[in-house]
Amino acid sequence: MREFIYFSRRARTSGNWKDNDLMKAGRMDIVCHFIIHSFFVSNAIRDDVKLHLIFYGAPDPPKHLEITNTGTTLMSKKDISGLIKRMLYKYKKGKKTEVFPGCFIEKKDLLSVVKELKEKGKNIYILDRKGKDIRHSKINSDGVFIIGDQEGLLPREKKLLKKEGVLLISLNRGMVTYMASQALIILQGELDRMLELE
């Protein structure tokens, strides 16, 4: 199973925003696009993906939302923002709460999530314009791929992640800077291609 981590410095950590104010909710519009491109393909939903959303915005950071398609996950393109809002509203202090089948929320930062995944034997990669070209890198198609929002990862955390052995990979060696959701679409295509070649 491939896993993606989307990190946002500004995404709200409570569900009290209006549906027409996604941009004011710490660019929750980008989060919605990211979720759609993680799971949805033409006439189907991917069942080989686990998505981690890490929010550092106000009022109660950090929050870790974990979403997996279990076949019964309450997910539709029309109400992705509603799914996020309900998950944030159901947060319970000190617990990892399953809000819907395959949808969990807890208070956990990026480094803690990455360390847990590494302990499970996962290979972790950060998409970075200075990284090694993905087509010339030996990567696992079922690895964990970190993509930051428009502000990117916090420099201190990025430095600590590199010390943890997280590798930097690039989609095009910095020729073009993609939006997070665009980068995810390209990455999904590259991973699908790798699976075909295996």
N, C-alpha and C. Protein backbone atom coordinates (compact mmCIF):
# COMPACT_ATOMS: atom_id res chain seq x y z
N MET A 1 0.84 -1.20 0.00
CA MET A 1 0.00 0.00 0.00
C MET A 1 0.87 1.24 0.00
N ARG A 2 0.60 2.15 -0.93
CA ARG A 2 1.34 3.41 -0.95
C ARG A 2 0.69 4.39 0.04
N GLU A 3 1.55 5.21 0.64
CA GLU A 3 1.05 6.17 1.63
C GLU A 3 1.54 7.56 1.28
N PHE A 4 0.68 8.54 1.49
CA PHE A 4 1.04 9.93 1.26
C PHE A 4 0.82 10.73 2.54
N ILE A 5 1.74 11.65 2.78
CA ILE A 5 1.59 12.59 3.88
C ILE A 5 1.50 13.98 3.28
N TYR A 6 0.39 14.67 3.56
CA TYR A 6 0.27 16.06 3.15
C TYR A 6 0.43 16.92 4.39
N PHE A 7 1.43 17.81 4.36
CA PHE A 7 1.71 18.68 5.49
C PHE A 7 1.26 20.10 5.19
N SER A 8 0.48 20.68 6.10
CA SER A 8 0.02 22.06 5.92
C SER A 8 0.31 22.87 7.18
N ARG A 9 1.01 23.97 6.99
CA ARG A 9 1.30 24.86 8.12
C ARG A 9 0.07 25.62 8.59
N ARG A 10 -0.91 25.85 7.69
CA ARG A 10 -2.02 26.75 7.99
C ARG A 10 -3.38 26.08 8.12
N ALA A 11 -3.54 24.85 7.67
CA ALA A 11 -4.87 24.21 7.68
C ALA A 11 -5.43 24.20 9.10
N ARG A 12 -6.68 24.60 9.25
CA ARG A 12 -7.30 24.72 10.57
C ARG A 12 -7.37 23.38 11.29
N THR A 13 -7.24 23.44 12.60
CA THR A 13 -7.27 22.24 13.42
C THR A 13 -8.57 22.15 14.22
N SER A 14 -9.58 22.85 13.76
CA SER A 14 -10.95 22.67 14.26
C SER A 14 -11.87 22.79 13.05
N GLY A 15 -13.08 22.24 13.19
CA GLY A 15 -13.98 22.21 12.04
C GLY A 15 -14.89 23.40 11.91
N ASN A 16 -14.58 24.49 12.60
CA ASN A 16 -15.49 25.64 12.60
C ASN A 16 -15.18 26.64 11.49
N TRP A 17 -15.41 26.18 10.25
CA TRP A 17 -15.32 27.12 9.13
C TRP A 17 -16.55 26.91 8.25
N LYS A 18 -16.85 27.91 7.44
CA LYS A 18 -17.99 27.82 6.53
C LYS A 18 -17.55 27.13 5.25
N ASP A 19 -18.46 26.35 4.67
CA ASP A 19 -18.12 25.58 3.47
C ASP A 19 -17.64 26.45 2.31
N ASN A 20 -18.10 27.71 2.29
CA ASN A 20 -17.66 28.60 1.20
C ASN A 20 -16.42 29.40 1.58
N ASP A 21 -15.80 29.06 2.72
CA ASP A 21 -14.60 29.76 3.18
C ASP A 21 -13.39 28.83 3.27
N LEU A 22 -13.26 27.91 2.31
CA LEU A 22 -12.17 26.94 2.36
C LEU A 22 -10.79 27.61 2.31
N MET A 23 -10.68 28.70 1.56
CA MET A 23 -9.39 29.40 1.48
C MET A 23 -9.05 30.03 2.82
N LYS A 24 -10.07 30.57 3.51
CA LYS A 24 -9.83 31.21 4.80
C LYS A 24 -9.58 30.20 5.91
N ALA A 25 -9.85 28.93 5.65
CA ALA A 25 -9.64 27.88 6.65
C ALA A 25 -8.23 27.29 6.53
N GLY A 26 -7.28 28.12 6.11
CA GLY A 26 -5.90 27.65 5.97
C GLY A 26 -5.69 26.88 4.68
N ARG A 27 -6.34 27.34 3.62
CA ARG A 27 -6.27 26.71 2.30
C ARG A 27 -6.77 25.27 2.33
N MET A 28 -7.91 25.10 2.97
CA MET A 28 -8.54 23.78 3.01
C MET A 28 -8.97 23.34 1.61
N ASP A 29 -9.08 24.29 0.67
CA ASP A 29 -9.38 23.92 -0.71
C ASP A 29 -8.28 23.04 -1.28
N ILE A 30 -7.03 23.33 -0.92
CA ILE A 30 -5.91 22.50 -1.39
C ILE A 30 -6.00 21.11 -0.77
N VAL A 31 -6.35 21.06 0.51
CA VAL A 31 -6.51 19.77 1.19
C VAL A 31 -7.57 18.92 0.47
N CYS A 32 -8.69 19.54 0.12
CA CYS A 32 -9.76 18.82 -0.58
C CYS A 32 -9.28 18.25 -1.91
N HIS A 33 -8.56 19.07 -2.67
CA HIS A 33 -8.02 18.58 -3.95
C HIS A 33 -7.04 17.43 -3.71
N PHE A 34 -6.25 17.54 -2.66
CA PHE A 34 -5.27 16.50 -2.37
C PHE A 34 -5.96 15.17 -2.05
N ILE A 35 -7.03 15.23 -1.28
CA ILE A 35 -7.77 14.01 -0.95
C ILE A 35 -8.36 13.40 -2.21
N ILE A 36 -8.98 14.23 -3.04
CA ILE A 36 -9.58 13.74 -4.29
C ILE A 36 -8.54 13.03 -5.14
N HIS A 37 -7.35 13.64 -5.30
CA HIS A 37 -6.33 13.06 -6.17
C HIS A 37 -5.60 11.89 -5.52
N SER A 38 -5.76 11.73 -4.21
CA SER A 38 -5.19 10.56 -3.54
C SER A 38 -6.00 9.30 -3.87
N PHE A 39 -7.32 9.44 -3.90
CA PHE A 39 -8.18 8.26 -3.96
C PHE A 39 -8.96 8.08 -5.26
N PHE A 40 -9.39 9.18 -5.88
CA PHE A 40 -10.31 9.04 -7.00
C PHE A 40 -9.59 8.95 -8.34
N VAL A 41 -9.99 7.96 -9.14
CA VAL A 41 -9.59 7.86 -10.54
C VAL A 41 -10.89 7.74 -11.34
N SER A 42 -10.79 7.69 -12.66
CA SER A 42 -11.99 7.66 -13.48
C SER A 42 -12.86 6.46 -13.13
N ASN A 43 -14.07 6.75 -12.66
CA ASN A 43 -15.07 5.72 -12.35
C ASN A 43 -14.66 4.72 -11.28
N ALA A 44 -13.75 5.12 -10.40
CA ALA A 44 -13.31 4.19 -9.34
C ALA A 44 -12.65 4.96 -8.20
N ILE A 45 -12.46 4.25 -7.09
CA ILE A 45 -11.71 4.79 -5.95
C ILE A 45 -10.56 3.84 -5.66
N ARG A 46 -9.36 4.38 -5.52
CA ARG A 46 -8.20 3.54 -5.23
C ARG A 46 -8.36 2.87 -3.87
N ASP A 47 -7.97 1.59 -3.82
CA ASP A 47 -8.00 0.88 -2.54
C ASP A 47 -6.59 0.52 -2.06
N ASP A 48 -5.58 1.12 -2.71
CA ASP A 48 -4.19 0.82 -2.35
C ASP A 48 -3.49 2.03 -1.74
N VAL A 49 -4.28 2.97 -1.19
CA VAL A 49 -3.72 4.23 -0.69
C VAL A 49 -4.13 4.47 0.75
N LYS A 50 -3.17 4.96 1.54
CA LYS A 50 -3.46 5.49 2.87
C LYS A 50 -2.95 6.92 2.88
N LEU A 51 -3.79 7.84 3.33
CA LEU A 51 -3.44 9.26 3.33
C LEU A 51 -3.34 9.78 4.76
N HIS A 52 -2.25 10.50 5.02
CA HIS A 52 -2.05 11.17 6.31
C HIS A 52 -2.07 12.67 6.06
N LEU A 53 -2.93 13.38 6.76
CA LEU A 53 -2.97 14.83 6.70
C LEU A 53 -2.44 15.37 8.01
N ILE A 54 -1.43 16.23 7.95
CA ILE A 54 -0.85 16.84 9.15
C ILE A 54 -1.13 18.33 9.11
N PHE A 55 -1.93 18.81 10.05
CA PHE A 55 -2.33 20.21 10.10
C PHE A 55 -1.65 20.91 11.27
N TYR A 56 -1.03 22.07 10.99
CA TYR A 56 -0.36 22.86 12.02
C TYR A 56 -1.03 24.22 12.25
N GLY A 57 -2.21 24.41 11.69
CA GLY A 57 -2.89 25.70 11.82
C GLY A 57 -3.59 25.87 13.16
N ALA A 58 -4.21 27.06 13.35
CA ALA A 58 -4.95 27.36 14.58
C ALA A 58 -6.23 26.52 14.59
N PRO A 59 -6.85 26.29 15.75
CA PRO A 59 -6.46 26.81 17.07
C PRO A 59 -5.76 25.79 17.96
N ASP A 60 -5.61 24.52 17.48
CA ASP A 60 -5.10 23.47 18.38
C ASP A 60 -4.17 22.50 17.66
N PRO A 61 -3.04 22.98 17.14
CA PRO A 61 -2.13 22.09 16.41
C PRO A 61 -1.31 21.22 17.36
N PRO A 62 -0.72 20.16 16.84
CA PRO A 62 -0.93 19.60 15.50
C PRO A 62 -2.07 18.59 15.50
N LYS A 63 -2.60 18.32 14.32
CA LYS A 63 -3.61 17.28 14.16
C LYS A 63 -3.17 16.34 13.03
N HIS A 64 -3.37 15.06 13.28
CA HIS A 64 -3.06 14.03 12.28
C HIS A 64 -4.36 13.33 11.90
N LEU A 65 -4.76 13.48 10.65
CA LEU A 65 -5.94 12.80 10.12
C LEU A 65 -5.46 11.69 9.20
N GLU A 66 -5.95 10.50 9.41
CA GLU A 66 -5.55 9.33 8.62
C GLU A 66 -6.77 8.79 7.90
N ILE A 67 -6.67 8.62 6.58
CA ILE A 67 -7.81 8.17 5.78
C ILE A 67 -7.38 7.00 4.91
N THR A 68 -8.15 5.91 4.99
CA THR A 68 -7.95 4.74 4.14
C THR A 68 -9.29 4.35 3.55
N ASN A 69 -9.32 3.96 2.29
CA ASN A 69 -10.56 3.49 1.68
C ASN A 69 -10.80 2.05 2.11
N THR A 70 -11.80 1.86 2.94
CA THR A 70 -12.11 0.51 3.43
C THR A 70 -13.26 -0.12 2.65
N GLY A 71 -13.79 0.59 1.67
CA GLY A 71 -14.96 0.12 0.96
C GLY A 71 -16.23 0.65 1.60
N THR A 72 -16.13 1.00 2.89
CA THR A 72 -17.29 1.58 3.59
C THR A 72 -16.98 3.00 4.04
N THR A 73 -15.81 3.53 3.64
CA THR A 73 -15.43 4.89 4.00
C THR A 73 -16.43 5.88 3.40
N LEU A 74 -16.88 6.83 4.22
CA LEU A 74 -17.88 7.80 3.76
C LEU A 74 -17.20 8.91 2.96
N MET A 75 -16.94 8.61 1.70
CA MET A 75 -16.18 9.56 0.90
C MET A 75 -16.87 9.80 -0.44
N SER A 76 -17.14 11.05 -0.72
CA SER A 76 -17.63 11.43 -2.05
C SER A 76 -16.96 12.73 -2.43
N LYS A 77 -16.71 12.90 -3.71
CA LYS A 77 -16.05 14.12 -4.17
C LYS A 77 -16.83 15.37 -3.77
N LYS A 78 -18.16 15.24 -3.68
CA LYS A 78 -19.00 16.40 -3.40
C LYS A 78 -18.85 16.89 -1.96
N ASP A 79 -18.44 16.02 -1.04
CA ASP A 79 -18.44 16.43 0.36
C ASP A 79 -17.14 16.12 1.08
N ILE A 80 -16.02 16.33 0.40
CA ILE A 80 -14.72 16.10 1.03
C ILE A 80 -14.53 17.08 2.19
N SER A 81 -14.91 18.34 2.02
CA SER A 81 -14.73 19.30 3.12
C SER A 81 -15.58 18.91 4.32
N GLY A 82 -16.77 18.36 4.06
CA GLY A 82 -17.63 17.89 5.15
C GLY A 82 -16.98 16.75 5.91
N LEU A 83 -16.31 15.84 5.20
CA LEU A 83 -15.59 14.73 5.85
C LEU A 83 -14.52 15.27 6.78
N ILE A 84 -13.73 16.23 6.31
CA ILE A 84 -12.65 16.81 7.13
C ILE A 84 -13.24 17.50 8.36
N LYS A 85 -14.29 18.31 8.15
CA LYS A 85 -14.92 19.02 9.27
C LYS A 85 -15.40 18.04 10.34
N ARG A 86 -16.08 16.96 9.90
CA ARG A 86 -16.60 16.00 10.87
C ARG A 86 -15.47 15.30 11.62
N MET A 87 -14.38 15.02 10.91
CA MET A 87 -13.23 14.39 11.58
C MET A 87 -12.65 15.33 12.64
N LEU A 88 -12.50 16.60 12.30
CA LEU A 88 -11.94 17.56 13.25
C LEU A 88 -12.87 17.76 14.45
N TYR A 89 -14.18 17.78 14.21
CA TYR A 89 -15.14 17.95 15.31
C TYR A 89 -15.10 16.75 16.27
N LYS A 90 -14.78 15.56 15.76
CA LYS A 90 -14.82 14.34 16.58
C LYS A 90 -13.51 14.07 17.33
N TYR A 91 -12.53 14.97 17.18
CA TYR A 91 -11.27 14.79 17.91
C TYR A 91 -11.52 14.71 19.42
N LYS A 92 -10.85 13.74 20.07
CA LYS A 92 -10.94 13.59 21.53
C LYS A 92 -9.53 13.63 22.10
N LYS A 93 -9.32 14.51 23.04
CA LYS A 93 -8.00 14.72 23.62
C LYS A 93 -7.42 13.42 24.15
N GLY A 94 -6.16 13.17 23.77
CA GLY A 94 -5.43 12.01 24.27
C GLY A 94 -5.79 10.69 23.61
N LYS A 95 -6.62 10.71 22.56
CA LYS A 95 -7.04 9.46 21.92
C LYS A 95 -6.85 9.53 20.42
N LYS A 96 -6.66 8.35 19.82
CA LYS A 96 -6.77 8.21 18.37
C LYS A 96 -8.18 7.70 18.12
N THR A 97 -9.00 8.55 17.51
CA THR A 97 -10.43 8.26 17.37
C THR A 97 -10.76 7.87 15.94
N GLU A 98 -11.48 6.76 15.79
CA GLU A 98 -11.99 6.37 14.47
C GLU A 98 -13.34 7.04 14.28
N VAL A 99 -13.37 8.03 13.41
CA VAL A 99 -14.58 8.83 13.19
C VAL A 99 -15.54 8.09 12.27
N PHE A 100 -15.00 7.56 11.17
CA PHE A 100 -15.73 6.71 10.24
C PHE A 100 -14.83 5.51 9.95
N PRO A 101 -15.35 4.44 9.34
CA PRO A 101 -14.48 3.32 9.01
C PRO A 101 -13.26 3.78 8.19
N GLY A 102 -12.08 3.52 8.69
CA GLY A 102 -10.85 3.90 7.99
C GLY A 102 -10.43 5.34 8.14
N CYS A 103 -11.15 6.12 8.95
CA CYS A 103 -10.84 7.55 9.12
C CYS A 103 -10.57 7.84 10.59
N PHE A 104 -9.34 8.21 10.90
CA PHE A 104 -8.91 8.43 12.28
C PHE A 104 -8.39 9.85 12.47
N ILE A 105 -8.48 10.34 13.71
CA ILE A 105 -7.88 11.63 14.05
C ILE A 105 -7.22 11.53 15.41
N GLU A 106 -6.09 12.22 15.55
CA GLU A 106 -5.35 12.28 16.80
C GLU A 106 -4.47 13.53 16.79
N LYS A 107 -3.90 13.84 17.94
CA LYS A 107 -2.97 14.96 18.05
C LYS A 107 -1.56 14.40 17.91
N LYS A 108 -0.95 14.65 16.76
CA LYS A 108 0.39 14.10 16.52
C LYS A 108 1.08 14.94 15.46
N ASP A 109 2.38 15.21 15.66
CA ASP A 109 3.12 16.04 14.70
C ASP A 109 3.75 15.20 13.60
N LEU A 110 4.31 15.88 12.62
CA LEU A 110 4.89 15.22 11.45
C LEU A 110 6.00 14.25 11.82
N LEU A 111 6.92 14.67 12.68
CA LEU A 111 8.05 13.81 13.03
C LEU A 111 7.58 12.52 13.70
N SER A 112 6.60 12.62 14.57
CA SER A 112 6.09 11.43 15.26
C SER A 112 5.45 10.46 14.29
N VAL A 113 4.69 10.98 13.33
CA VAL A 113 4.06 10.12 12.32
C VAL A 113 5.13 9.41 11.49
N VAL A 114 6.15 10.15 11.06
CA VAL A 114 7.21 9.57 10.25
C VAL A 114 7.98 8.50 11.04
N LYS A 115 8.29 8.78 12.30
CA LYS A 115 9.01 7.79 13.11
C LYS A 115 8.21 6.50 13.26
N GLU A 116 6.91 6.62 13.46
CA GLU A 116 6.05 5.43 13.56
C GLU A 116 6.08 4.62 12.27
N LEU A 117 6.01 5.31 11.13
CA LEU A 117 6.03 4.62 9.85
C LEU A 117 7.38 3.95 9.60
N LYS A 118 8.47 4.61 10.00
CA LYS A 118 9.79 4.01 9.85
C LYS A 118 9.93 2.76 10.71
N GLU A 119 9.35 2.80 11.91
CA GLU A 119 9.38 1.63 12.78
C GLU A 119 8.64 0.44 12.17
N LYS A 120 7.69 0.73 11.29
CA LYS A 120 6.95 -0.34 10.58
C LYS A 120 7.71 -0.81 9.34
N GLY A 121 8.91 -0.25 9.12
CA GLY A 121 9.73 -0.67 7.99
C GLY A 121 9.47 0.07 6.69
N LYS A 122 8.74 1.17 6.77
CA LYS A 122 8.43 1.92 5.56
C LYS A 122 9.61 2.78 5.12
N ASN A 123 9.81 2.90 3.82
CA ASN A 123 10.76 3.85 3.25
C ASN A 123 10.03 5.18 3.05
N ILE A 124 10.67 6.27 3.50
CA ILE A 124 10.03 7.58 3.48
C ILE A 124 10.76 8.49 2.50
N TYR A 125 9.98 9.24 1.71
CA TYR A 125 10.54 10.16 0.72
C TYR A 125 9.86 11.52 0.84
N ILE A 126 10.64 12.59 0.66
CA ILE A 126 10.09 13.94 0.61
C ILE A 126 10.18 14.43 -0.83
N LEU A 127 9.08 14.91 -1.38
CA LEU A 127 9.15 15.55 -2.69
C LEU A 127 9.79 16.92 -2.52
N ASP A 128 10.90 17.13 -3.21
CA ASP A 128 11.67 18.36 -3.07
C ASP A 128 12.35 18.65 -4.40
N ARG A 129 12.31 19.90 -4.82
CA ARG A 129 12.88 20.25 -6.13
C ARG A 129 14.38 19.96 -6.20
N LYS A 130 15.06 19.87 -5.05
CA LYS A 130 16.50 19.58 -5.03
C LYS A 130 16.79 18.08 -4.91
N GLY A 131 15.73 17.27 -4.85
CA GLY A 131 15.92 15.83 -4.69
C GLY A 131 16.38 15.15 -5.96
N LYS A 132 16.64 13.85 -5.84
CA LYS A 132 17.06 13.05 -6.98
C LYS A 132 15.84 12.75 -7.85
N ASP A 133 16.04 12.79 -9.16
CA ASP A 133 14.96 12.54 -10.10
C ASP A 133 14.32 11.18 -9.79
N ILE A 134 12.99 11.17 -9.66
CA ILE A 134 12.28 9.95 -9.30
C ILE A 134 12.53 8.82 -10.30
N ARG A 135 12.75 9.16 -11.57
CA ARG A 135 12.96 8.13 -12.58
C ARG A 135 14.37 7.55 -12.54
N HIS A 136 15.25 8.18 -11.76
CA HIS A 136 16.61 7.67 -11.60
C HIS A 136 16.88 7.29 -10.15
N SER A 137 15.81 7.07 -9.39
CA SER A 137 15.94 6.73 -7.98
C SER A 137 15.40 5.32 -7.76
N LYS A 138 16.02 4.64 -6.84
CA LYS A 138 15.50 3.33 -6.44
C LYS A 138 14.53 3.56 -5.29
N ILE A 139 13.25 3.60 -5.63
CA ILE A 139 12.25 3.83 -4.60
C ILE A 139 11.24 2.69 -4.60
N ASN A 140 10.60 2.52 -3.47
CA ASN A 140 9.54 1.51 -3.36
C ASN A 140 8.23 2.13 -3.79
N SER A 141 7.50 1.43 -4.63
CA SER A 141 6.20 1.96 -5.06
C SER A 141 5.19 1.94 -3.92
N ASP A 142 5.51 1.20 -2.83
CA ASP A 142 4.62 1.21 -1.66
C ASP A 142 5.25 1.99 -0.51
N GLY A 143 6.09 2.96 -0.84
CA GLY A 143 6.72 3.79 0.18
C GLY A 143 5.76 4.85 0.71
N VAL A 144 6.31 5.76 1.51
CA VAL A 144 5.56 6.89 2.06
C VAL A 144 6.14 8.16 1.46
N PHE A 145 5.29 9.01 0.89
CA PHE A 145 5.73 10.20 0.18
C PHE A 145 5.16 11.45 0.85
N ILE A 146 6.06 12.35 1.24
CA ILE A 146 5.66 13.57 1.94
C ILE A 146 5.61 14.73 0.95
N ILE A 147 4.48 15.42 0.93
CA ILE A 147 4.30 16.59 0.08
C ILE A 147 3.83 17.74 0.95
N GLY A 148 4.53 18.85 0.88
CA GLY A 148 4.17 20.02 1.67
C GLY A 148 3.21 20.94 0.94
N ASP A 149 2.59 21.83 1.69
CA ASP A 149 1.70 22.83 1.10
C ASP A 149 2.52 23.90 0.39
N GLN A 150 1.88 25.01 0.04
CA GLN A 150 2.58 26.06 -0.71
C GLN A 150 3.72 26.69 0.08
N GLU A 151 3.73 26.53 1.40
CA GLU A 151 4.81 27.06 2.23
C GLU A 151 5.89 26.03 2.51
N GLY A 152 5.63 24.78 2.21
CA GLY A 152 6.61 23.73 2.41
C GLY A 152 6.73 23.28 3.86
N LEU A 153 7.64 22.34 4.08
CA LEU A 153 7.87 21.83 5.43
C LEU A 153 8.61 22.87 6.26
N LEU A 154 8.49 22.78 7.56
CA LEU A 154 9.26 23.66 8.44
C LEU A 154 10.73 23.28 8.32
N PRO A 155 11.64 24.25 8.15
CA PRO A 155 13.06 23.92 7.95
C PRO A 155 13.64 23.02 9.03
N ARG A 156 13.29 23.27 10.29
CA ARG A 156 13.83 22.45 11.39
C ARG A 156 13.37 21.00 11.25
N GLU A 157 12.09 20.80 10.93
CA GLU A 157 11.59 19.44 10.79
C GLU A 157 12.18 18.75 9.56
N LYS A 158 12.35 19.51 8.50
CA LYS A 158 12.96 18.92 7.30
C LYS A 158 14.37 18.43 7.60
N LYS A 159 15.12 19.23 8.36
CA LYS A 159 16.48 18.85 8.74
C LYS A 159 16.47 17.58 9.59
N LEU A 160 15.54 17.50 10.54
CA LEU A 160 15.45 16.32 11.40
C LEU A 160 15.01 15.10 10.61
N LEU A 161 14.12 15.29 9.65
CA LEU A 161 13.69 14.17 8.82
C LEU A 161 14.85 13.62 8.00
N LYS A 162 15.68 14.51 7.47
CA LYS A 162 16.85 14.05 6.71
C LYS A 162 17.81 13.26 7.60
N LYS A 163 17.92 13.68 8.87
CA LYS A 163 18.76 12.93 9.82
C LYS A 163 18.19 11.54 10.09
N GLU A 164 16.86 11.43 9.98
CA GLU A 164 16.19 10.15 10.18
C GLU A 164 16.35 9.23 8.97
N GLY A 165 17.01 9.72 7.93
CA GLY A 165 17.22 8.91 6.73
C GLY A 165 16.15 9.05 5.67
N VAL A 166 15.30 10.07 5.80
CA VAL A 166 14.29 10.32 4.78
C VAL A 166 14.98 10.87 3.53
N LEU A 167 14.64 10.34 2.37
CA LEU A 167 15.31 10.71 1.12
C LEU A 167 14.52 11.77 0.36
N LEU A 168 15.25 12.66 -0.31
CA LEU A 168 14.62 13.69 -1.15
C LEU A 168 14.53 13.18 -2.58
N ILE A 169 13.32 13.28 -3.16
CA ILE A 169 13.15 12.94 -4.57
C ILE A 169 12.44 14.09 -5.27
N SER A 170 12.65 14.17 -6.57
CA SER A 170 12.06 15.25 -7.36
C SER A 170 11.31 14.66 -8.54
N LEU A 171 10.26 15.36 -8.97
CA LEU A 171 9.51 14.92 -10.14
C LEU A 171 10.12 15.42 -11.44
N ASN A 172 10.91 16.51 -11.35
CA ASN A 172 11.48 17.06 -12.58
C ASN A 172 12.75 17.88 -12.34
N ARG A 173 13.42 17.63 -11.22
CA ARG A 173 14.67 18.31 -10.87
C ARG A 173 14.52 19.83 -10.86
N GLY A 174 13.37 20.33 -10.40
CA GLY A 174 13.22 21.77 -10.19
C GLY A 174 12.91 22.59 -11.42
N MET A 175 12.64 21.94 -12.56
CA MET A 175 12.36 22.72 -13.77
C MET A 175 11.05 23.48 -13.64
N VAL A 176 10.06 22.85 -13.01
CA VAL A 176 8.74 23.45 -12.80
C VAL A 176 8.33 23.17 -11.37
N THR A 177 7.74 24.17 -10.71
CA THR A 177 7.21 23.95 -9.37
C THR A 177 5.71 23.69 -9.50
N TYR A 178 5.29 22.51 -9.05
CA TYR A 178 3.89 22.13 -9.14
C TYR A 178 3.15 22.47 -7.85
N MET A 179 1.84 22.64 -7.96
CA MET A 179 1.00 22.71 -6.78
C MET A 179 0.97 21.32 -6.15
N ALA A 180 0.66 21.26 -4.87
CA ALA A 180 0.68 19.97 -4.15
C ALA A 180 -0.19 18.93 -4.84
N SER A 181 -1.41 19.30 -5.21
CA SER A 181 -2.31 18.32 -5.84
C SER A 181 -1.81 17.90 -7.22
N GLN A 182 -1.17 18.82 -7.94
CA GLN A 182 -0.59 18.46 -9.23
C GLN A 182 0.58 17.50 -9.06
N ALA A 183 1.41 17.79 -8.06
CA ALA A 183 2.55 16.90 -7.77
C ALA A 183 2.05 15.50 -7.43
N LEU A 184 0.97 15.43 -6.68
CA LEU A 184 0.41 14.13 -6.31
C LEU A 184 -0.07 13.36 -7.53
N ILE A 185 -0.73 14.03 -8.46
CA ILE A 185 -1.21 13.36 -9.67
C ILE A 185 -0.04 12.78 -10.45
N ILE A 186 1.01 13.57 -10.61
CA ILE A 186 2.20 13.11 -11.35
C ILE A 186 2.84 11.94 -10.61
N LEU A 187 2.95 12.06 -9.30
CA LEU A 187 3.55 10.99 -8.49
C LEU A 187 2.73 9.71 -8.59
N GLN A 188 1.41 9.82 -8.52
CA GLN A 188 0.57 8.63 -8.66
C GLN A 188 0.83 7.96 -10.01
N GLY A 189 0.96 8.76 -11.06
CA GLY A 189 1.25 8.21 -12.39
C GLY A 189 2.59 7.49 -12.43
N GLU A 190 3.60 8.10 -11.81
CA GLU A 190 4.93 7.46 -11.77
C GLU A 190 4.88 6.14 -11.00
N LEU A 191 4.16 6.11 -9.88
CA LEU A 191 4.06 4.89 -9.08
C LEU A 191 3.28 3.82 -9.83
N ASP A 192 2.21 4.22 -10.52
CA ASP A 192 1.46 3.25 -11.33
C ASP A 192 2.36 2.66 -12.42
N ARG A 193 3.17 3.52 -13.01
CA ARG A 193 4.11 3.09 -14.06
C ARG A 193 5.11 2.08 -13.52
N MET A 194 5.63 2.36 -12.30
CA MET A 194 6.58 1.43 -11.68
C MET A 194 5.95 0.06 -11.44
N LEU A 195 4.70 0.07 -10.99
CA LEU A 195 4.02 -1.20 -10.75
C LEU A 195 3.88 -1.99 -12.04
N GLU A 196 3.62 -1.30 -13.15
CA GLU A 196 3.50 -1.98 -14.46
C GLU A 196 4.83 -2.62 -14.86
N LEU A 197 5.94 -1.96 -14.49
CA LEU A 197 7.26 -2.44 -14.90
C LEU A 197 7.80 -3.53 -13.98
N GLU A 198 7.21 -3.68 -12.80
CA GLU A 198 7.70 -4.69 -11.84
C GLU A 198 7.38 -6.10 -12.31
